[in-house]
PDB file of N, CA and C in Angstrom:
ATOM      1  N   UNK A   1     118.512  80.614 101.330  1.00  0.00           N
ATOM      2  CA  UNK A   1     117.938  81.225 102.512  1.00  0.00           C
ATOM      3  C   UNK A   1     117.327  80.112 103.366  1.00  0.00           C
ATOM      4  N   UNK A   2     117.863  79.964 104.550  1.00  0.00           N
ATOM      5  CA  UNK A   2     117.361  78.953 105.473  1.00  0.00           C
ATOM      6  C   UNK A   2     116.868  79.660 106.729  1.00  0.00           C
ATOM      7  N   UNK A   3     115.566  79.657 106.942  1.00  0.00           N
ATOM      8  CA  UNK A   3     114.970  80.345 108.076  1.00  0.00           C
ATOM      9  C   UNK A   3     114.531  79.351 109.135  1.00  0.00           C
ATOM     10  N   UNK A   4     114.490  79.815 110.385  1.00  0.00           N
ATOM     11  CA  UNK A   4     114.099  78.971 111.507  1.00  0.00           C
ATOM     12  C   UNK A   4     112.997  79.670 112.292  1.00  0.00           C
ATOM     13  N   UNK A   5     111.953  78.901 112.632  1.00  0.00           N
ATOM     14  CA  UNK A   5     110.884  79.432 113.467  1.00  0.00           C
ATOM     15  C   UNK A   5     111.391  79.623 114.889  1.00  0.00           C
ATOM     16  N   UNK A   6     110.722  80.477 115.634  1.00  0.00           N
ATOM     17  CA  UNK A   6     111.095  80.730 117.026  1.00  0.00           C
ATOM     18  C   UNK A   6     110.925  79.460 117.852  1.00  0.00           C
ATOM     19  N   UNK A   7     111.768  79.305 118.828  1.00  0.00           N
ATOM     20  CA  UNK A   7     111.710  78.136 119.713  1.00  0.00           C
ATOM     21  C   UNK A   7     110.487  78.224 120.615  1.00  0.00           C
ATOM     22  N   UNK A   8     109.930  77.082 120.929  1.00  0.00           N
ATOM     23  CA  UNK A   8     108.837  77.046 121.894  1.00  0.00           C
ATOM     24  C   UNK A   8     109.336  76.634 123.269  1.00  0.00           C
ATOM     25  N   UNK A   9     110.593  76.144 123.321  1.00  0.00           N
ATOM     26  CA  UNK A   9     111.226  75.755 124.572  1.00  0.00           C
ATOM     27  C   UNK A   9     112.707  76.122 124.485  1.00  0.00           C
ATOM     28  N   UNK A  10     113.269  76.604 125.544  1.00  0.00           N
ATOM     29  CA  UNK A  10     114.652  77.079 125.531  1.00  0.00           C
ATOM     30  C   UNK A  10     115.627  75.973 125.147  1.00  0.00           C
ATOM     31  N   UNK A  11     115.349  74.741 125.570  1.00  0.00           N
ATOM     32  CA  UNK A  11     116.266  73.631 125.321  1.00  0.00           C
ATOM     33  C   UNK A  11     116.141  73.036 123.922  1.00  0.00           C
ATOM     34  N   UNK A  12     115.085  73.361 123.200  1.00  0.00           N
ATOM     35  CA  UNK A  12     114.875  72.809 121.864  1.00  0.00           C
ATOM     36  C   UNK A  12     115.652  73.578 120.815  1.00  0.00           C
ATOM     37  N   UNK A  13     115.923  72.897 119.709  1.00  0.00           N
ATOM     38  CA  UNK A  13     116.484  73.582 118.556  1.00  0.00           C
ATOM     39  C   UNK A  13     115.330  74.155 117.751  1.00  0.00           C
ATOM     40  N   UNK A  14     115.520  75.291 117.089  1.00  0.00           N
ATOM     41  CA  UNK A  14     114.429  75.860 116.292  1.00  0.00           C
ATOM     42  C   UNK A  14     114.128  75.000 115.067  1.00  0.00           C
ATOM     43  N   UNK A  15     112.840  74.965 114.684  1.00  0.00           N
ATOM     44  CA  UNK A  15     112.404  74.194 113.513  1.00  0.00           C
ATOM     45  C   UNK A  15     112.622  75.020 112.259  1.00  0.00           C
ATOM     46  N   UNK A  16     112.926  74.355 111.166  1.00  0.00           N
ATOM     47  CA  UNK A  16     113.172  75.041 109.903  1.00  0.00           C
ATOM     48  C   UNK A  16     111.852  75.473 109.264  1.00  0.00           C
ATOM     49  N   UNK A  17     111.868  76.638 108.664  1.00  0.00           N
ATOM     50  CA  UNK A  17     110.695  77.183 107.977  1.00  0.00           C
ATOM     51  C   UNK A  17     110.823  76.910 106.477  1.00  0.00           C
ATOM     52  N   UNK A  18     109.731  76.489 105.862  1.00  0.00           N
ATOM     53  CA  UNK A  18     109.723  76.246 104.427  1.00  0.00           C
ATOM     54  C   UNK A  18     108.821  77.276 103.752  1.00  0.00           C
ATOM     55  N   UNK A  19     109.359  77.944 102.758  1.00  0.00           N
ATOM     56  CA  UNK A  19     108.613  79.010 102.081  1.00  0.00           C
ATOM     57  C   UNK A  19     107.363  78.466 101.412  1.00  0.00           C
ATOM     58  N   UNK A  20     107.424  77.238 100.871  1.00  0.00           N
ATOM     59  CA  UNK A  20     106.259  76.642 100.210  1.00  0.00           C
ATOM     60  C   UNK A  20     105.083  76.515 101.171  1.00  0.00           C
ATOM     61  N   UNK A  21     105.360  76.105 102.412  1.00  0.00           N
ATOM     62  CA  UNK A  21     104.290  75.953 103.398  1.00  0.00           C
ATOM     63  C   UNK A  21     103.745  77.313 103.831  1.00  0.00           C
ATOM     64  N   UNK A  22     104.620  78.304 103.911  1.00  0.00           N
ATOM     65  CA  UNK A  22     104.167  79.653 104.253  1.00  0.00           C
ATOM     66  C   UNK A  22     103.242  80.183 103.160  1.00  0.00           C
ATOM     67  N   UNK A  23     103.631  79.980 101.900  1.00  0.00           N
ATOM     68  CA  UNK A  23     102.794  80.423 100.777  1.00  0.00           C
ATOM     69  C   UNK A  23     101.460  79.689 100.752  1.00  0.00           C
ATOM     70  N   UNK A  24     101.469  78.393 101.040  1.00  0.00           N
ATOM     71  CA  UNK A  24     100.226  77.616 101.048  1.00  0.00           C
ATOM     72  C   UNK A  24      99.272  78.124 102.121  1.00  0.00           C
ATOM     73  N   UNK A  25      99.785  78.446 103.287  1.00  0.00           N
ATOM     74  CA  UNK A  25      98.934  78.976 104.343  1.00  0.00           C
ATOM     75  C   UNK A  25      98.423  80.363 103.980  1.00  0.00           C
ATOM     76  N   UNK A  26      99.245  81.148 103.299  1.00  0.00           N
ATOM     77  CA  UNK A  26      98.846  82.493 102.906  1.00  0.00           C
ATOM     78  C   UNK A  26      97.733  82.461 101.861  1.00  0.00           C
ATOM     79  N   UNK A  27      97.703  81.426 101.028  1.00  0.00           N
ATOM     80  CA  UNK A  27      96.624  81.285 100.049  1.00  0.00           C
ATOM     81  C   UNK A  27      95.298  80.973 100.729  1.00  0.00           C
ATOM     82  N   UNK A  28      95.340  80.252 101.861  1.00  0.00           N
ATOM     83  CA  UNK A  28      94.130  79.887 102.591  1.00  0.00           C
ATOM     84  C   UNK A  28      93.598  81.047 103.429  1.00  0.00           C
ATOM     85  N   UNK A  29      94.499  81.878 103.937  1.00  0.00           N
ATOM     86  CA  UNK A  29      94.128  82.971 104.838  1.00  0.00           C
ATOM     87  C   UNK A  29      94.559  84.307 104.237  1.00  0.00           C
ATOM     88  N   UNK A  30      93.910  85.381 104.653  1.00  0.00           N
ATOM     89  CA  UNK A  30      94.256  86.708 104.136  1.00  0.00           C
ATOM     90  C   UNK A  30      95.558  87.239 104.711  1.00  0.00           C
ATOM     91  N   UNK A  31      95.876  86.848 105.934  1.00  0.00           N
ATOM     92  CA  UNK A  31      97.122  87.293 106.539  1.00  0.00           C
ATOM     93  C   UNK A  31      97.635  86.229 107.499  1.00  0.00           C
ATOM     94  N   UNK A  32      98.945  86.203 107.654  1.00  0.00           N
ATOM     95  CA  UNK A  32      99.575  85.250 108.572  1.00  0.00           C
ATOM     96  C   UNK A  32     100.640  85.986 109.381  1.00  0.00           C
ATOM     97  N   UNK A  33     100.851  85.515 110.600  1.00  0.00           N
ATOM     98  CA  UNK A  33     101.894  86.063 111.462  1.00  0.00           C
ATOM     99  C   UNK A  33     102.789  84.906 111.887  1.00  0.00           C
ATOM    100  N   UNK A  34     104.090  85.086 111.699  1.00  0.00           N
ATOM    101  CA  UNK A  34     105.074  84.082 112.083  1.00  0.00           C
ATOM    102  C   UNK A  34     106.100  84.708 113.005  1.00  0.00           C
ATOM    103  N   UNK A  35     106.662  83.879 113.857  1.00  0.00           N
ATOM    104  CA  UNK A  35     107.739  84.305 114.734  1.00  0.00           C
ATOM    105  C   UNK A  35     108.978  83.504 114.363  1.00  0.00           C
ATOM    106  N   UNK A  36     110.059  84.211 114.056  1.00  0.00           N
ATOM    107  CA  UNK A  36     111.300  83.583 113.642  1.00  0.00           C
ATOM    108  C   UNK A  36     112.357  83.738 114.730  1.00  0.00           C
ATOM    109  N   UNK A  37     113.228  82.763 114.819  1.00  0.00           N
ATOM    110  CA  UNK A  37     114.248  82.699 115.864  1.00  0.00           C
ATOM    111  C   UNK A  37     115.325  83.763 115.681  1.00  0.00           C
ATOM    112  N   UNK A  38     115.987  84.108 116.754  1.00  0.00           N
ATOM    113  CA  UNK A  38     117.059  85.107 116.715  1.00  0.00           C
ATOM    114  C   UNK A  38     118.278  84.614 115.946  1.00  0.00           C
ATOM    115  N   UNK A  39     118.383  83.299 115.710  1.00  0.00           N
ATOM    116  CA  UNK A  39     119.501  82.747 114.955  1.00  0.00           C
ATOM    117  C   UNK A  39     119.448  83.123 113.472  1.00  0.00           C
ATOM    118  N   UNK A  40     118.293  83.557 112.989  1.00  0.00           N
ATOM    119  CA  UNK A  40     118.174  83.976 111.590  1.00  0.00           C
ATOM    120  C   UNK A  40     118.960  85.266 111.377  1.00  0.00           C
ATOM    121  N   UNK A  41     119.579  85.358 110.227  1.00  0.00           N
ATOM    122  CA  UNK A  41     120.277  86.608 109.929  1.00  0.00           C
ATOM    123  C   UNK A  41     119.260  87.632 109.430  1.00  0.00           C
ATOM    124  N   UNK A  42     119.524  88.873 109.739  1.00  0.00           N
ATOM    125  CA  UNK A  42     118.638  89.944 109.304  1.00  0.00           C
ATOM    126  C   UNK A  42     118.587  89.981 107.766  1.00  0.00           C
ATOM    127  N   UNK A  43     119.695  89.658 107.140  1.00  0.00           N
ATOM    128  CA  UNK A  43     119.778  89.631 105.682  1.00  0.00           C
ATOM    129  C   UNK A  43     118.803  88.606 105.095  1.00  0.00           C
ATOM    130  N   UNK A  44     118.704  87.412 105.704  1.00  0.00           N
ATOM    131  CA  UNK A  44     117.780  86.389 105.218  1.00  0.00           C
ATOM    132  C   UNK A  44     116.330  86.839 105.359  1.00  0.00           C
ATOM    133  N   UNK A  45     116.025  87.529 106.443  1.00  0.00           N
ATOM    134  CA  UNK A  45     114.665  88.023 106.623  1.00  0.00           C
ATOM    135  C   UNK A  45     114.339  89.126 105.614  1.00  0.00           C
ATOM    136  N   UNK A  46     115.318  89.930 105.257  1.00  0.00           N
ATOM    137  CA  UNK A  46     115.100  90.940 104.216  1.00  0.00           C
ATOM    138  C   UNK A  46     114.914  90.289 102.855  1.00  0.00           C
ATOM    139  N   UNK A  47     115.586  89.163 102.607  1.00  0.00           N
ATOM    140  CA  UNK A  47     115.364  88.408 101.374  1.00  0.00           C
ATOM    141  C   UNK A  47     113.950  87.844 101.342  1.00  0.00           C
ATOM    142  N   UNK A  48     113.463  87.375 102.492  1.00  0.00           N
ATOM    143  CA  UNK A  48     112.080  86.895 102.588  1.00  0.00           C
ATOM    144  C   UNK A  48     111.112  88.031 102.286  1.00  0.00           C
ATOM    145  N   UNK A  49     111.404  89.214 102.795  1.00  0.00           N
ATOM    146  CA  UNK A  49     110.570  90.385 102.531  1.00  0.00           C
ATOM    147  C   UNK A  49     110.545  90.695 101.039  1.00  0.00           C
ATOM    148  N   UNK A  50     111.690  90.709 100.402  1.00  0.00           N
ATOM    149  CA  UNK A  50     111.759  90.969  98.965  1.00  0.00           C
ATOM    150  C   UNK A  50     110.975  89.926  98.177  1.00  0.00           C
ATOM    151  N   UNK A  51     111.059  88.668  98.603  1.00  0.00           N
ATOM    152  CA  UNK A  51     110.370  87.578  97.922  1.00  0.00           C
ATOM    153  C   UNK A  51     108.862  87.797  97.923  1.00  0.00           C
ATOM    154  N   UNK A  52     108.290  88.106  99.093  1.00  0.00           N
ATOM    155  CA  UNK A  52     106.840  88.276  99.178  1.00  0.00           C
ATOM    156  C   UNK A  52     106.375  89.609  98.589  1.00  0.00           C
ATOM    157  N   UNK A  53     107.164  90.658  98.719  1.00  0.00           N
ATOM    158  CA  UNK A  53     106.780  91.940  98.119  1.00  0.00           C
ATOM    159  C   UNK A  53     106.805  91.858  96.596  1.00  0.00           C
ATOM    160  N   UNK A  54     107.690  91.040  96.028  1.00  0.00           N
ATOM    161  CA  UNK A  54     107.719  90.835  94.577  1.00  0.00           C
ATOM    162  C   UNK A  54     106.455  90.128  94.103  1.00  0.00           C
ATOM    163  N   UNK A  55     105.804  89.385  94.987  1.00  0.00           N
ATOM    164  CA  UNK A  55     104.555  88.700  94.661  1.00  0.00           C
ATOM    165  C   UNK A  55     103.335  89.572  94.963  1.00  0.00           C
ATOM    166  N   UNK A  56     103.567  90.829  95.353  1.00  0.00           N
ATOM    167  CA  UNK A  56     102.473  91.757  95.605  1.00  0.00           C
ATOM    168  C   UNK A  56     101.886  91.688  96.998  1.00  0.00           C
ATOM    169  N   UNK A  57     102.576  91.075  97.930  1.00  0.00           N
ATOM    170  CA  UNK A  57     102.091  90.965  99.313  1.00  0.00           C
ATOM    171  C   UNK A  57     102.669  92.103 100.156  1.00  0.00           C
ATOM    172  N   UNK A  58     101.956  92.461 101.208  1.00  0.00           N
ATOM    173  CA  UNK A  58     102.479  93.423 102.184  1.00  0.00           C
ATOM    174  C   UNK A  58     103.220  92.648 103.259  1.00  0.00           C
ATOM    175  N   UNK A  59     104.365  93.171 103.674  1.00  0.00           N
ATOM    176  CA  UNK A  59     105.247  92.462 104.598  1.00  0.00           C
ATOM    177  C   UNK A  59     105.681  93.423 105.695  1.00  0.00           C
ATOM    178  N   UNK A  60     105.441  93.047 106.940  1.00  0.00           N
ATOM    179  CA  UNK A  60     105.843  93.865 108.080  1.00  0.00           C
ATOM    180  C   UNK A  60     106.685  93.012 109.019  1.00  0.00           C
ATOM    181  N   UNK A  61     107.823  93.537 109.434  1.00  0.00           N
ATOM    182  CA  UNK A  61     108.717  92.803 110.313  1.00  0.00           C
ATOM    183  C   UNK A  61     109.111  93.683 111.488  1.00  0.00           C
ATOM    184  N   UNK A  62     109.156  93.077 112.669  1.00  0.00           N
ATOM    185  CA  UNK A  62     109.619  93.802 113.849  1.00  0.00           C
ATOM    186  C   UNK A  62     110.361  92.839 114.770  1.00  0.00           C
ATOM    187  N   UNK A  63     111.152  93.419 115.644  1.00  0.00           N
ATOM    188  CA  UNK A  63     111.902  92.642 116.624  1.00  0.00           C
ATOM    189  C   UNK A  63     111.115  92.677 117.926  1.00  0.00           C
ATOM    190  N   UNK A  64     110.864  91.504 118.509  1.00  0.00           N
ATOM    191  CA  UNK A  64     110.093  91.403 119.737  1.00  0.00           C
ATOM    192  C   UNK A  64     111.019  90.923 120.849  1.00  0.00           C
ATOM    193  N   UNK A  65     111.154  91.737 121.895  1.00  0.00           N
ATOM    194  CA  UNK A  65     111.977  91.358 123.054  1.00  0.00           C
ATOM    195  C   UNK A  65     111.064  90.694 124.082  1.00  0.00           C
ATOM    196  N   UNK A  66     111.543  89.575 124.655  1.00  0.00           N
ATOM    197  CA  UNK A  66     110.735  88.881 125.655  1.00  0.00           C
ATOM    198  C   UNK A  66     111.467  88.736 126.982  1.00  0.00           C
ATOM    199  N   UNK A  67     112.602  89.409 127.108  1.00  0.00           N
ATOM    200  CA  UNK A  67     113.369  89.385 128.358  1.00  0.00           C
ATOM    201  C   UNK A  67     114.286  90.592 128.419  1.00  0.00           C
ATOM    202  N   UNK A  68     115.078  90.646 129.462  1.00  0.00           N
ATOM    203  CA  UNK A  68     115.958  91.791 129.655  1.00  0.00           C
ATOM    204  C   UNK A  68     117.325  91.615 129.011  1.00  0.00           C
ATOM    205  N   UNK A  69     117.740  90.385 128.750  1.00  0.00           N
ATOM    206  CA  UNK A  69     119.050  90.137 128.155  1.00  0.00           C
ATOM    207  C   UNK A  69     119.042  90.532 126.674  1.00  0.00           C
ATOM    208  N   UNK A  70     120.226  90.841 126.154  1.00  0.00           N
ATOM    209  CA  UNK A  70     120.334  91.263 124.757  1.00  0.00           C
ATOM    210  C   UNK A  70     119.939  90.181 123.774  1.00  0.00           C
ATOM    211  N   UNK A  71     120.114  88.911 124.135  1.00  0.00           N
ATOM    212  CA  UNK A  71     119.808  87.834 123.198  1.00  0.00           C
ATOM    213  C   UNK A  71     118.407  87.255 123.386  1.00  0.00           C
ATOM    214  N   UNK A  72     117.566  87.911 124.118  1.00  0.00           N
ATOM    215  CA  UNK A  72     116.202  87.431 124.337  1.00  0.00           C
ATOM    216  C   UNK A  72     115.232  88.208 123.445  1.00  0.00           C
ATOM    217  N   UNK A  73     115.253  87.844 122.175  1.00  0.00           N
ATOM    218  CA  UNK A  73     114.359  88.476 121.214  1.00  0.00           C
ATOM    219  C   UNK A  73     114.051  87.490 120.093  1.00  0.00           C
ATOM    220  N   UNK A  74     113.037  87.816 119.324  1.00  0.00           N
ATOM    221  CA  UNK A  74     112.669  87.061 118.131  1.00  0.00           C
ATOM    222  C   UNK A  74     112.132  88.057 117.116  1.00  0.00           C
ATOM    223  N   UNK A  75     111.953  87.603 115.903  1.00  0.00           N
ATOM    224  CA  UNK A  75     111.414  88.455 114.854  1.00  0.00           C
ATOM    225  C   UNK A  75     109.954  88.097 114.598  1.00  0.00           C
ATOM    226  N   UNK A  76     109.107  89.102 114.531  1.00  0.00           N
ATOM    227  CA  UNK A  76     107.709  88.903 114.179  1.00  0.00           C
ATOM    228  C   UNK A  76     107.527  89.351 112.739  1.00  0.00           C
ATOM    229  N   UNK A  77     106.934  88.472 111.930  1.00  0.00           N
ATOM    230  CA  UNK A  77     106.691  88.770 110.526  1.00  0.00           C
ATOM    231  C   UNK A  77     105.198  88.638 110.258  1.00  0.00           C
ATOM    232  N   UNK A  78     104.624  89.675 109.676  1.00  0.00           N
ATOM    233  CA  UNK A  78     103.197  89.699 109.330  1.00  0.00           C
ATOM    234  C   UNK A  78     103.119  89.880 107.814  1.00  0.00           C
ATOM    235  N   UNK A  79     102.514  88.901 107.131  1.00  0.00           N
ATOM    236  CA  UNK A  79     102.377  88.946 105.682  1.00  0.00           C
ATOM    237  C   UNK A  79     100.895  89.031 105.358  1.00  0.00           C
ATOM    238  N   UNK A  80     100.534  89.988 104.517  1.00  0.00           N
ATOM    239  CA  UNK A  80      99.132  90.242 104.188  1.00  0.00           C
ATOM    240  C   UNK A  80      98.947  90.131 102.671  1.00  0.00           C
ATOM    241  N   UNK A  81      97.886  89.424 102.278  1.00  0.00           N
ATOM    242  CA  UNK A  81      97.549  89.311 100.854  1.00  0.00           C
ATOM    243  C   UNK A  81      97.135  90.644 100.283  1.00  0.00           C
TER     244      UNK A  81
END
């Protein structure tokens, strides 16, 4: 599973997300919110959900549209301890 964070600039390539760093931040904070790029497959995000729910975390995912075109969206993921 290779996930990519949402782009901060249209011309940039999305940065890769590492599960270890996400888990480390989740240990420091009670909840975290991440935005993932549209290039991620829905299947990979569901695998991420299964991974954190197996560890007893609550996981909420939604699609966020930021424009009128069909490809102008990103995924919002909220993970709660």
